[in-house]
Amino acid sequence: MSSHRTLLPVPLLVLGLFPLAAHADDLDTLQFKAGQSVTHDSNVFRLSDSANAQAVIGTPDRDDTVAVTTAGFKINKPYGLQRFELEAGVEDHHYSRFSYLDFTAVNYAAAWRWSFTPALHGNLTTDRSEYVDPYADVQARGQINRRTNRSTVFDAEYELDGAWRLVGGVFERTSSNSQPFTFEGDTKVHGGEAGVRYVYPSGTSMAYRFRDGKGEYPGRVPSPVSAGNFTDREHEFRLDWAPTGKTTLRAKAAYFDRAHDGLSARDFSGFTGQLDANWAITAKTSLAGGVVRELGSYQTLNSSYYEGYRFFVAPTWKATEKTAVRLRYDHGARDFKGPLPGFAASNRRDTTDLLSLAVEWQALRALKLTASVQSDRRKSNEPGADYKSNSFGIAADASF
C-alpha cells in the first residue's frame, strides 16, 4: 500500500487529547466504545458464477465467516467559543478460512471547531478511515482490496450580516489501496475553495463554492497510457432545507472537470449531484431516501472514467422503545467511457442491487444488539464482472 502523510495530524491529536488530560473526571465528555460482530458471507471475493474458484483462490469454497472486534473512545469538549472533538478506534478483522486476509485498522477523526468571534468561525479537521472495499475491481482476481482514505481540512466562514457569509478553506485528501493494481488507483489531491452562503431566518441555506485542486497518482510512472498528475476544478451549489418540522432535504449539484498533464485522452468532466431526504412519518416510523449522480476515474485501455447514478430508500420502524427494524434498498448503474486512441470503447455497463434488513435491540442503556441479512448483486455485460453474494450476521456494541 502506498504511504501518504496528512497535514497536521499530530497537533490535532494533541488538541483532541487536551480535554481528556485536563478534565478526565468529566465523564459526559468522554465515552468508551467496544463491539464484536460475526458475519458469514457466501462470496467473500465477489467472484462471478462463471469463475473457476479452485483456479482463482485455490479452493472451490467461496464463503467465509468474518469476526470484527472493535475498541475505541470519543471525546467532545467545549471551551468557551471553541469545541474539541476526538474519536479513535481499532478494528481487528479475522477470517476463519482465508486467514491471509486478516488485518487490523486504526481509524481516527479529530476536529477543532474554532471561533475567533461569533461572526468568524470554522473547522480544522483530520481523519483516517481504513475499510474492506469488496466492490473495487482489481487486476488480480481472487484478491480483496482495503481502501484507506485520509483528509485534512481547514475551513472558515465569516458572517457579513444576518444572512450572507463568505466561506473558504484549504484541503488535502488521499486515497490508497492495499492491492497494487486497481483500476481506481491511489490519488492525492490538495487545493483550496472559496464561495458564499446565504442563510434564511428559518435555517434554510444555499451555498456556492469553487474548488481548485492539484493531484497526483502516487507511485505511478507517466507513460503513453497513464498520466502522473492532474488538475481538478469544481463548481458546486448546495441547498439545505427543512420544509416542515418532520421533513429535511439536502441537495447538491456540481460540475466537475479533471484534466491530466500530457494525456488529454484521460480527461473527463460532467455534472454530478446528490439529493437526500428524511421524513418522520409518525413517532415510530420514518423514511429516508436519496439519489446520486456519479462521475469518477476508472483507467483501462478501453476506458478512462465512469458515469452513473445510485438511489436508495430506507424505511425504519421503531416497534418499541428498545427495538427498531431497518430496511434498505440500493440500486445503481455505471457506464464506462473514454477509451484511449486506437482502442475500442468497452461499452461496459454494470447494474447493482443491494437489499439489507437489520433488527436492533437496545438491551441495556449501554448495550445494543443487532441481527442483519443482506443480498448483494451485480450484473454486467463485461464477462466475469457479475457476482452474487448473501450474508447474515450478528453484532453487539457497548458504550460507556
Protein backbone atom coordinates (compact mmCIF):
# COMPACT_ATOMS: atom_id res chain seq x y z
CA MET A 1 0.00 0.00 0.00
CA SER A 2 1.22 3.49 -0.79
CA SER A 3 2.16 5.62 2.18
CA HIS A 4 0.78 9.15 2.49
CA ARG A 5 1.15 11.81 5.15
CA THR A 6 -1.77 14.05 6.01
CA LEU A 7 -1.25 17.63 7.12
CA LEU A 8 -1.03 18.44 10.84
CA PRO A 9 -2.31 15.16 12.36
CA VAL A 10 -0.13 15.39 15.48
CA PRO A 11 -1.22 18.90 16.56
CA LEU A 12 -4.84 17.95 16.06
CA LEU A 13 -4.47 14.80 18.13
CA VAL A 14 -2.83 16.84 20.86
CA LEU A 15 -5.71 19.30 20.75
CA GLY A 16 -8.14 16.42 20.99
CA LEU A 17 -6.35 14.78 23.92
CA PHE A 18 -6.01 18.01 25.89
CA PRO A 19 -9.60 17.94 27.21
CA LEU A 20 -9.05 14.37 28.43
CA ALA A 21 -5.94 15.34 30.35
CA ALA A 22 -7.49 18.49 31.75
CA HIS A 23 -10.90 17.12 32.76
CA ALA A 24 -10.78 13.32 32.83
CA ASP A 25 -13.44 13.38 35.53
CA ASP A 26 -15.99 14.97 33.17
CA LEU A 27 -17.49 11.65 32.09
CA ASP A 28 -20.14 13.37 29.99
CA THR A 29 -17.36 14.44 27.57
CA LEU A 30 -15.61 11.04 27.39
CA GLN A 31 -17.15 7.87 26.01
CA PHE A 32 -15.59 4.44 25.51
CA LYS A 33 -16.86 2.04 22.87
CA ALA A 34 -16.38 -1.67 22.19
CA GLY A 35 -18.00 -4.08 19.79
CA GLN A 36 -18.00 -7.55 18.35
CA SER A 37 -19.60 -8.72 15.11
CA VAL A 38 -19.65 -12.04 13.28
CA THR A 39 -20.73 -12.16 9.62
CA HIS A 40 -20.98 -15.09 7.22
CA ASP A 41 -20.53 -14.10 3.56
CA SER A 42 -21.36 -16.56 0.76
CA ASN A 43 -18.99 -14.92 -1.75
CA VAL A 44 -16.16 -13.10 0.01
CA PHE A 45 -14.20 -12.29 -3.16
CA ARG A 46 -17.27 -11.28 -5.20
CA LEU A 47 -16.45 -13.89 -7.84
CA SER A 48 -18.63 -14.39 -10.89
CA ASP A 49 -20.67 -17.59 -11.15
CA SER A 50 -18.63 -18.31 -14.30
CA ALA A 51 -15.30 -18.09 -12.43
CA ASN A 52 -13.37 -21.23 -11.54
CA ALA A 53 -12.93 -20.66 -7.81
CA GLN A 54 -10.45 -23.54 -7.48
CA ALA A 55 -8.14 -21.92 -10.04
CA VAL A 56 -8.58 -18.38 -8.74
CA ILE A 57 -8.44 -18.77 -4.94
CA GLY A 58 -7.21 -22.36 -4.57
CA THR A 59 -10.46 -23.81 -3.22
CA PRO A 60 -13.98 -24.32 -4.55
CA ASP A 61 -15.36 -22.72 -1.36
CA ARG A 62 -16.20 -19.05 -1.81
CA ASP A 63 -17.74 -18.39 1.61
CA ASP A 64 -16.16 -17.37 4.90
CA THR A 65 -17.04 -16.13 8.38
CA VAL A 66 -15.52 -12.81 9.41
CA ALA A 67 -15.22 -11.67 13.03
CA VAL A 68 -14.58 -7.97 13.67
CA THR A 69 -13.56 -6.75 17.13
CA THR A 70 -13.62 -3.00 17.78
CA ALA A 71 -12.49 -0.79 20.65
CA GLY A 72 -12.19 2.96 20.91
CA PHE A 73 -13.15 6.20 22.58
CA LYS A 74 -14.78 9.53 21.82
CA ILE A 75 -14.23 12.98 23.34
CA ASN A 76 -16.39 16.07 22.82
CA LYS A 77 -15.50 19.11 24.93
CA PRO A 78 -16.41 22.81 24.60
CA TYR A 79 -14.13 25.61 25.86
CA GLY A 80 -15.83 28.97 25.55
CA LEU A 81 -16.31 29.59 21.82
CA GLN A 82 -14.17 26.55 20.95
CA ARG A 83 -15.09 22.87 20.75
CA PHE A 84 -12.60 19.97 20.58
CA GLU A 85 -13.55 16.52 19.31
CA LEU A 86 -11.59 13.31 19.01
CA GLU A 87 -12.73 9.82 18.07
CA ALA A 88 -10.26 6.95 17.67
CA GLY A 89 -10.60 3.22 17.45
CA VAL A 90 -9.05 -0.09 16.48
CA GLU A 91 -10.76 -2.68 14.26
CA ASP A 92 -9.41 -6.23 14.13
CA HIS A 93 -10.70 -8.34 11.21
CA HIS A 94 -10.31 -12.12 11.44
CA TYR A 95 -11.28 -14.53 8.62
CA SER A 96 -11.97 -18.16 9.51
CA ARG A 97 -11.00 -19.73 6.15
CA PHE A 98 -8.95 -17.09 4.29
CA SER A 99 -6.74 -16.06 7.22
CA TYR A 100 -4.27 -14.27 4.94
CA LEU A 101 -6.93 -11.55 4.64
CA ASP A 102 -6.71 -10.73 8.38
CA PHE A 103 -5.83 -7.14 9.20
CA THR A 104 -6.08 -4.52 11.93
CA ALA A 105 -7.12 -0.96 11.16
CA VAL A 106 -6.50 2.13 13.28
CA ASN A 107 -9.00 4.88 12.45
CA TYR A 108 -9.47 8.35 13.89
CA ALA A 109 -11.27 11.66 13.39
CA ALA A 110 -10.18 14.82 15.20
CA ALA A 111 -11.62 18.33 14.97
CA TRP A 112 -11.20 21.82 16.36
CA ARG A 113 -14.48 23.72 15.86
CA TRP A 114 -12.89 27.13 16.22
CA SER A 115 -14.42 30.56 16.65
CA PHE A 116 -12.38 33.77 16.93
CA THR A 117 -15.55 35.86 17.19
CA PRO A 118 -19.22 34.89 16.87
CA ALA A 119 -19.02 36.11 13.26
CA LEU A 120 -15.76 34.36 12.29
CA HIS A 121 -15.66 30.61 12.81
CA GLY A 122 -14.75 27.36 11.09
CA ASN A 123 -13.20 23.92 11.43
CA LEU A 124 -9.79 22.27 11.45
CA THR A 125 -10.25 18.53 10.95
CA THR A 126 -8.20 15.45 10.14
CA ASP A 127 -9.31 11.85 9.79
CA ARG A 128 -8.25 8.38 8.67
CA SER A 129 -10.55 5.52 7.63
CA GLU A 130 -9.44 2.04 6.52
CA TYR A 131 -12.05 -0.46 5.37
CA VAL A 132 -12.62 -3.50 3.18
CA ASP A 133 -13.76 -2.48 -0.30
CA PRO A 134 -15.09 -5.70 -1.88
CA TYR A 135 -16.54 -3.76 -4.82
CA ALA A 136 -13.20 -2.49 -6.12
CA ASP A 137 -12.13 -4.17 -9.36
CA VAL A 138 -8.56 -5.45 -9.04
CA GLN A 139 -6.48 -6.78 -11.91
CA ALA A 140 -5.57 -9.90 -9.91
CA ARG A 141 -8.84 -11.82 -9.40
CA GLY A 142 -9.31 -13.57 -6.08
CA GLN A 143 -7.98 -10.65 -4.03
CA ILE A 144 -9.72 -8.25 -1.66
CA ASN A 145 -8.87 -4.58 -1.63
CA ARG A 146 -8.59 -2.45 1.50
CA ARG A 147 -9.03 1.25 0.90
CA THR A 148 -7.54 3.88 3.22
CA ASN A 149 -8.88 7.42 2.99
CA ARG A 150 -7.23 10.35 4.75
CA SER A 151 -8.15 14.02 4.76
CA THR A 152 -7.13 17.26 6.45
CA VAL A 153 -9.31 20.32 6.00
CA PHE A 154 -9.17 23.90 7.30
CA ASP A 155 -12.27 25.96 6.51
CA ALA A 156 -13.67 29.30 7.64
CA GLU A 157 -16.94 31.20 7.47
CA TYR A 158 -17.37 34.93 8.02
CA GLU A 159 -20.85 36.35 8.62
CA LEU A 160 -21.10 39.61 6.68
CA ASP A 161 -24.55 40.35 8.12
CA GLY A 162 -27.54 38.34 9.25
CA ALA A 163 -27.79 36.33 6.04
CA TRP A 164 -24.70 36.49 3.78
CA ARG A 165 -21.49 34.64 4.67
CA LEU A 166 -18.14 34.23 2.96
CA VAL A 167 -16.74 30.70 3.02
CA GLY A 168 -13.37 29.25 2.06
CA GLY A 169 -10.67 26.81 3.01
CA VAL A 170 -7.78 24.54 2.07
CA PHE A 171 -7.64 20.76 1.98
CA GLU A 172 -5.54 17.68 1.36
CA ARG A 173 -7.13 14.29 0.62
CA THR A 174 -5.55 10.93 -0.18
CA SER A 175 -6.95 7.55 -1.10
CA SER A 176 -4.78 4.43 -1.24
CA ASN A 177 -5.36 0.73 -1.91
CA SER A 178 -3.85 -2.41 -0.45
CA GLN A 179 -3.81 -4.04 -3.89
CA PRO A 180 -1.10 -2.63 -6.19
CA PHE A 181 -3.18 -2.88 -9.37
CA THR A 182 -6.65 -1.37 -9.12
CA PHE A 183 -8.45 0.43 -11.93
CA GLU A 184 -9.45 3.17 -9.46
CA GLY A 185 -5.87 3.90 -8.39
CA ASP A 186 -4.27 5.74 -5.48
CA THR A 187 -4.77 9.52 -5.53
CA LYS A 188 -3.52 12.53 -3.59
CA VAL A 189 -5.16 15.95 -4.05
CA HIS A 190 -4.51 19.28 -2.32
CA GLY A 191 -6.08 22.64 -3.02
CA GLY A 192 -8.49 25.32 -1.90
CA GLU A 193 -12.06 26.52 -2.17
CA ALA A 194 -13.96 29.79 -1.90
CA GLY A 195 -17.59 30.81 -2.10
CA VAL A 196 -20.64 32.38 -0.50
CA ARG A 197 -23.52 31.11 1.63
CA TYR A 198 -26.95 32.61 2.30
CA VAL A 199 -28.86 31.60 5.45
CA TYR A 200 -32.56 32.35 5.81
CA PRO A 201 -34.10 33.11 9.24
CA SER A 202 -35.81 29.69 9.07
CA GLY A 203 -32.40 27.96 8.92
CA THR A 204 -32.62 27.08 5.23
CA SER A 205 -29.33 27.81 3.47
CA MET A 206 -27.95 27.99 -0.06
CA ALA A 207 -24.25 27.98 -0.94
CA TYR A 208 -21.91 28.19 -3.92
CA ARG A 209 -18.28 27.02 -3.81
CA PHE A 210 -15.49 26.84 -6.36
CA ARG A 211 -12.76 24.27 -5.73
CA ASP A 212 -9.38 24.01 -7.38
CA GLY A 213 -7.10 21.06 -6.68
CA LYS A 214 -3.73 19.75 -7.81
CA GLY A 215 -3.48 15.98 -7.79
CA GLU A 216 -1.22 13.05 -8.48
CA TYR A 217 -1.35 9.28 -8.74
CA PRO A 218 1.37 8.35 -6.19
CA GLY A 219 3.87 5.76 -7.38
CA ARG A 220 2.62 5.82 -10.96
CA VAL A 221 5.20 6.34 -13.70
CA PRO A 222 3.84 8.56 -16.52
CA SER A 223 3.56 6.72 -19.84
CA PRO A 224 1.59 6.89 -23.10
CA VAL A 225 -1.34 5.20 -21.28
CA SER A 226 -1.11 6.73 -17.78
CA ALA A 227 -0.65 10.27 -16.51
CA GLY A 228 1.14 11.12 -13.29
CA ASN A 229 -0.51 14.44 -12.41
CA PHE A 230 -3.90 16.08 -12.87
CA THR A 231 -5.93 19.18 -12.04
CA ASP A 232 -9.45 19.17 -10.57
CA ARG A 233 -11.93 22.04 -10.85
CA GLU A 234 -15.44 22.00 -9.47
CA HIS A 235 -18.38 24.41 -9.25
CA GLU A 236 -20.82 23.32 -6.54
CA PHE A 237 -24.25 24.52 -5.41
CA ARG A 238 -25.84 23.29 -2.14
CA LEU A 239 -29.28 23.61 -0.58
CA ASP A 240 -30.26 22.63 2.98
CA TRP A 241 -34.00 22.91 3.52
CA ALA A 242 -36.47 21.78 6.16
CA PRO A 243 -39.90 22.40 4.58
CA THR A 244 -41.69 21.06 7.66
CA GLY A 245 -40.75 20.06 11.19
CA LYS A 246 -40.77 16.42 10.08
CA THR A 247 -39.01 16.70 6.73
CA THR A 248 -35.48 17.68 5.73
CA LEU A 249 -33.91 17.94 2.28
CA ARG A 250 -30.25 18.26 1.32
CA ALA A 251 -29.32 18.82 -2.32
CA LYS A 252 -26.03 19.26 -4.18
CA ALA A 253 -25.43 19.97 -7.86
CA ALA A 254 -21.93 20.36 -9.29
CA TYR A 255 -19.89 20.46 -12.48
CA PHE A 256 -16.59 18.58 -12.16
CA ASP A 257 -13.60 18.68 -14.52
CA ARG A 258 -10.40 16.62 -14.32
CA ALA A 259 -7.53 17.41 -16.73
CA HIS A 260 -4.42 15.21 -16.92
CA ASP A 261 -0.97 16.61 -17.62
CA GLY A 262 0.27 15.46 -21.03
CA LEU A 263 -2.51 12.90 -21.58
CA SER A 264 -5.76 14.62 -22.51
CA ALA A 265 -7.30 11.29 -23.56
CA ARG A 266 -7.76 10.54 -19.83
CA ASP A 267 -9.63 13.82 -19.19
CA PHE A 268 -13.26 13.75 -18.17
CA SER A 269 -15.91 16.19 -17.00
CA GLY A 270 -19.61 16.38 -16.34
CA PHE A 271 -22.40 17.04 -13.88
CA THR A 272 -22.65 15.34 -10.50
CA GLY A 273 -25.23 15.70 -7.79
CA GLN A 274 -26.96 14.30 -4.75
CA LEU A 275 -30.37 14.65 -3.14
CA ASP A 276 -31.15 13.23 0.32
CA ALA A 277 -34.49 13.40 2.10
CA ASN A 278 -35.70 12.35 5.55
CA TRP A 279 -39.34 12.16 6.62
CA ALA A 280 -40.52 11.41 10.16
CA ILE A 281 -43.89 9.92 9.22
CA THR A 282 -45.02 9.08 12.76
CA ALA A 283 -43.41 8.76 16.16
CA LYS A 284 -42.46 5.17 15.27
CA THR A 285 -41.87 5.25 11.51
CA SER A 286 -39.52 7.24 9.30
CA LEU A 287 -38.37 7.16 5.71
CA ALA A 288 -35.05 8.19 4.19
CA GLY A 289 -34.16 8.23 0.52
CA GLY A 290 -31.75 9.71 -1.94
CA VAL A 291 -30.32 9.77 -5.45
CA VAL A 292 -26.71 10.34 -6.56
CA ARG A 293 -25.23 11.23 -9.94
CA GLU A 294 -21.67 9.82 -10.12
CA LEU A 295 -18.51 10.58 -12.09
CA GLY A 296 -15.12 9.01 -11.34
CA SER A 297 -11.79 7.76 -12.65
CA TYR A 298 -11.54 4.15 -13.94
CA GLN A 299 -8.49 3.64 -16.13
CA THR A 300 -8.04 0.73 -18.54
CA LEU A 301 -7.06 0.74 -22.20
CA ASN A 302 -10.75 0.84 -23.12
CA SER A 303 -11.99 3.38 -20.56
CA SER A 304 -10.81 6.38 -18.54
CA TYR A 305 -13.83 7.12 -16.35
CA TYR A 306 -17.33 6.05 -15.42
CA GLU A 307 -20.58 7.91 -15.01
CA GLY A 308 -23.78 6.65 -13.48
CA TYR A 309 -26.35 7.00 -10.76
CA ARG A 310 -27.46 5.43 -7.50
CA PHE A 311 -30.62 5.72 -5.48
CA PHE A 312 -31.72 4.29 -2.15
CA VAL A 313 -34.80 4.05 0.02
CA ALA A 314 -34.56 3.21 3.74
CA PRO A 315 -37.65 2.92 5.97
CA THR A 316 -37.31 2.47 9.74
CA TRP A 317 -39.91 1.16 12.18
CA LYS A 318 -39.35 1.54 15.92
CA ALA A 319 -41.56 -1.29 17.11
CA THR A 320 -40.95 -0.49 20.77
CA GLU A 321 -38.88 1.93 22.78
CA LYS A 322 -35.95 -0.51 22.64
CA THR A 323 -36.32 -2.17 19.23
CA ALA A 324 -36.01 -0.92 15.66
CA VAL A 325 -36.37 -2.60 12.26
CA ARG A 326 -34.38 -1.06 9.41
CA LEU A 327 -34.82 -1.94 5.73
CA ARG A 328 -32.68 -0.51 2.92
CA TYR A 329 -32.64 -0.97 -0.84
CA ASP A 330 -29.92 0.47 -3.10
CA HIS A 331 -29.87 0.36 -6.90
CA GLY A 332 -27.19 1.73 -9.16
CA ALA A 333 -25.85 1.75 -12.72
CA ARG A 334 -22.48 2.68 -14.22
CA ASP A 335 -21.33 3.24 -17.81
CA PHE A 336 -17.60 3.14 -18.57
CA LYS A 337 -16.30 5.60 -21.16
CA GLY A 338 -13.20 7.32 -22.56
CA PRO A 339 -11.11 4.73 -24.46
CA LEU A 340 -7.52 5.59 -25.34
CA PRO A 341 -6.78 6.41 -29.00
CA GLY A 342 -6.50 3.23 -31.06
CA PHE A 343 -8.59 1.15 -28.64
CA ALA A 344 -12.27 0.34 -28.89
CA ALA A 345 -14.66 1.61 -26.26
CA SER A 346 -15.52 -1.04 -23.68
CA ASN A 347 -19.24 -0.19 -23.69
CA ARG A 348 -19.30 -1.81 -20.26
CA ARG A 349 -22.42 -1.29 -18.18
CA ASP A 350 -22.93 -2.51 -14.61
CA THR A 351 -26.10 -2.51 -12.54
CA THR A 352 -26.11 -3.22 -8.80
CA ASP A 353 -28.82 -4.14 -6.31
CA LEU A 354 -28.25 -4.24 -2.55
CA LEU A 355 -31.01 -5.19 -0.11
CA SER A 356 -30.47 -5.33 3.65
CA LEU A 357 -32.63 -5.87 6.73
CA ALA A 358 -31.49 -5.21 10.30
CA VAL A 359 -33.21 -5.65 13.65
CA GLU A 360 -31.79 -3.67 16.59
CA TRP A 361 -32.45 -4.19 20.28
CA GLN A 362 -31.28 -1.77 22.95
CA ALA A 363 -30.86 -4.50 25.56
CA LEU A 364 -29.35 -2.09 28.09
CA ARG A 365 -28.70 1.61 28.12
CA ALA A 366 -25.10 0.92 27.13
CA LEU A 367 -25.60 -2.23 25.02
CA LYS A 368 -27.15 -2.61 21.55
CA LEU A 369 -27.60 -5.97 19.78
CA THR A 370 -28.14 -6.24 16.02
CA ALA A 371 -29.03 -9.07 13.64
CA SER A 372 -28.87 -8.46 9.89
CA VAL A 373 -29.18 -10.13 6.48
CA GLN A 374 -28.04 -8.78 3.11
CA SER A 375 -28.33 -9.64 -0.58
CA ASP A 376 -25.77 -8.10 -2.95
CA ARG A 377 -25.96 -8.45 -6.76
CA ARG A 378 -24.09 -7.01 -9.73
CA LYS A 379 -24.98 -7.63 -13.36
CA SER A 380 -22.58 -6.63 -16.13
CA ASN A 381 -22.09 -7.07 -19.87
CA GLU A 382 -18.36 -7.40 -19.07
CA PRO A 383 -17.54 -11.13 -18.85
CA GLY A 384 -16.65 -12.12 -15.28
CA ALA A 385 -17.70 -8.79 -13.71
CA ASP A 386 -21.04 -10.07 -12.37
CA TYR A 387 -21.47 -11.59 -8.90
CA LYS A 388 -23.96 -12.66 -6.25
CA SER A 389 -23.44 -12.60 -2.50
CA ASN A 390 -25.63 -13.27 0.51
CA SER A 391 -24.62 -12.59 4.10
CA PHE A 392 -26.02 -12.66 7.58
CA GLY A 393 -24.53 -11.52 10.86
CA ILE A 394 -24.93 -10.54 14.48
CA ALA A 395 -23.28 -7.70 16.37
CA ALA A 396 -23.01 -6.32 19.89
CA ASP A 397 -21.98 -2.72 20.56
CA ALA A 398 -21.33 -1.29 24.01
CA SER A 399 -20.72 2.31 25.03
CA PHE A 400 -19.94 3.64 28.48
